[in-house]
């Protein structure tokens, strides 16, 4: 199982979400930690975001990258589509 590290800007956004969305995202992060390379909703990003991956939870995007040698997932951004990619 991979360890999940959430950046403070992503954690601040998660704090402001309603409880049902927060629970759903936490469950999906836990599922992602079990198998980050073969999660069905994860897509690799290209261009200036190369090396990052993303998955979608409703209208919210979670941008992260995986450090396989440390078995760690770093969640850098959580937010709506329009704000996350800026």
Protein backbone atom coordinates (compact mmCIF):
# COMPACT_ATOMS: atom_id res chain seq x y z
CA UNK A 1 0.00 0.00 0.00
CA UNK A 2 1.27 3.44 -0.94
CA UNK A 3 1.37 6.36 1.47
CA UNK A 4 -0.68 9.42 0.45
CA UNK A 5 0.74 12.90 1.14
CA UNK A 6 -1.63 15.82 0.56
CA UNK A 7 -0.21 19.30 -0.11
CA UNK A 8 -1.54 22.06 2.16
CA UNK A 9 -3.37 23.85 -0.69
CA UNK A 10 -5.20 20.62 -1.55
CA UNK A 11 -5.96 19.98 2.13
CA UNK A 12 -7.40 23.49 2.51
CA UNK A 13 -9.73 22.89 -0.42
CA UNK A 14 -10.80 19.53 0.98
CA UNK A 15 -11.66 21.14 4.34
CA UNK A 16 -14.17 23.43 2.65
CA UNK A 17 -16.05 20.66 0.85
CA UNK A 18 -19.36 19.29 2.12
CA UNK A 19 -19.02 16.12 4.20
CA UNK A 20 -20.39 13.68 1.55
CA UNK A 21 -17.89 14.88 -1.09
CA UNK A 22 -15.07 14.82 1.43
CA UNK A 23 -15.87 11.20 2.35
CA UNK A 24 -16.06 10.19 -1.31
CA UNK A 25 -12.67 11.74 -2.12
CA UNK A 26 -11.03 10.17 0.94
CA UNK A 27 -12.37 6.75 -0.05
CA UNK A 28 -11.07 7.16 -3.60
CA UNK A 29 -7.65 8.25 -2.32
CA UNK A 30 -7.56 5.14 -0.16
CA UNK A 31 -8.45 2.98 -3.18
CA UNK A 32 -5.77 4.77 -5.19
CA UNK A 33 -3.18 4.01 -2.50
CA UNK A 34 -3.87 0.30 -2.89
CA UNK A 35 -3.11 0.28 -6.62
CA UNK A 36 -2.02 3.61 -8.16
CA UNK A 37 -0.80 2.23 -11.48
CA UNK A 38 -3.99 0.42 -12.54
CA UNK A 39 -6.77 2.56 -11.09
CA UNK A 40 -9.51 2.73 -13.77
CA UNK A 41 -10.17 6.51 -13.63
CA UNK A 42 -6.55 7.70 -13.59
CA UNK A 43 -5.18 9.42 -16.68
CA UNK A 44 -1.61 10.51 -17.34
CA UNK A 45 -1.19 14.18 -18.20
CA UNK A 46 0.83 15.64 -21.06
CA UNK A 47 2.55 18.91 -21.94
CA UNK A 48 3.64 21.07 -19.03
CA UNK A 49 1.86 18.60 -16.70
CA UNK A 50 3.90 15.61 -17.91
CA UNK A 51 4.68 13.25 -15.06
CA UNK A 52 1.48 14.10 -13.23
CA UNK A 53 -1.68 12.02 -13.22
CA UNK A 54 -5.25 13.01 -12.58
CA UNK A 55 -8.56 11.54 -11.73
CA UNK A 56 -12.02 12.94 -11.63
CA UNK A 57 -14.54 12.81 -8.78
CA UNK A 58 -17.70 14.41 -10.13
CA UNK A 59 -16.67 17.91 -11.18
CA UNK A 60 -13.55 17.90 -8.99
CA UNK A 61 -10.09 17.03 -10.32
CA UNK A 62 -7.33 15.53 -8.21
CA UNK A 63 -3.82 16.09 -9.60
CA UNK A 64 -1.07 13.89 -8.18
CA UNK A 65 2.22 12.20 -8.95
CA UNK A 66 3.62 8.88 -7.78
CA UNK A 67 7.08 8.23 -6.37
CA UNK A 68 7.44 4.47 -6.81
CA UNK A 69 10.80 4.18 -5.04
CA UNK A 70 9.29 5.65 -1.84
CA UNK A 71 5.86 4.09 -2.43
CA UNK A 72 4.28 7.53 -1.97
CA UNK A 73 1.50 9.38 -3.77
CA UNK A 74 1.80 13.18 -3.63
CA UNK A 75 -1.53 14.99 -4.10
CA UNK A 76 -0.67 18.51 -5.27
CA UNK A 77 -3.99 19.98 -6.39
CA UNK A 78 -7.67 19.37 -5.67
CA UNK A 79 -10.33 21.61 -7.17
CA UNK A 80 -12.82 22.22 -9.93
CA UNK A 81 -11.59 21.75 -13.48
CA UNK A 82 -11.40 25.44 -14.32
CA UNK A 83 -9.21 26.30 -11.33
CA UNK A 84 -6.91 23.29 -11.07
CA UNK A 85 -5.13 23.70 -14.39
CA UNK A 86 -4.21 27.36 -13.91
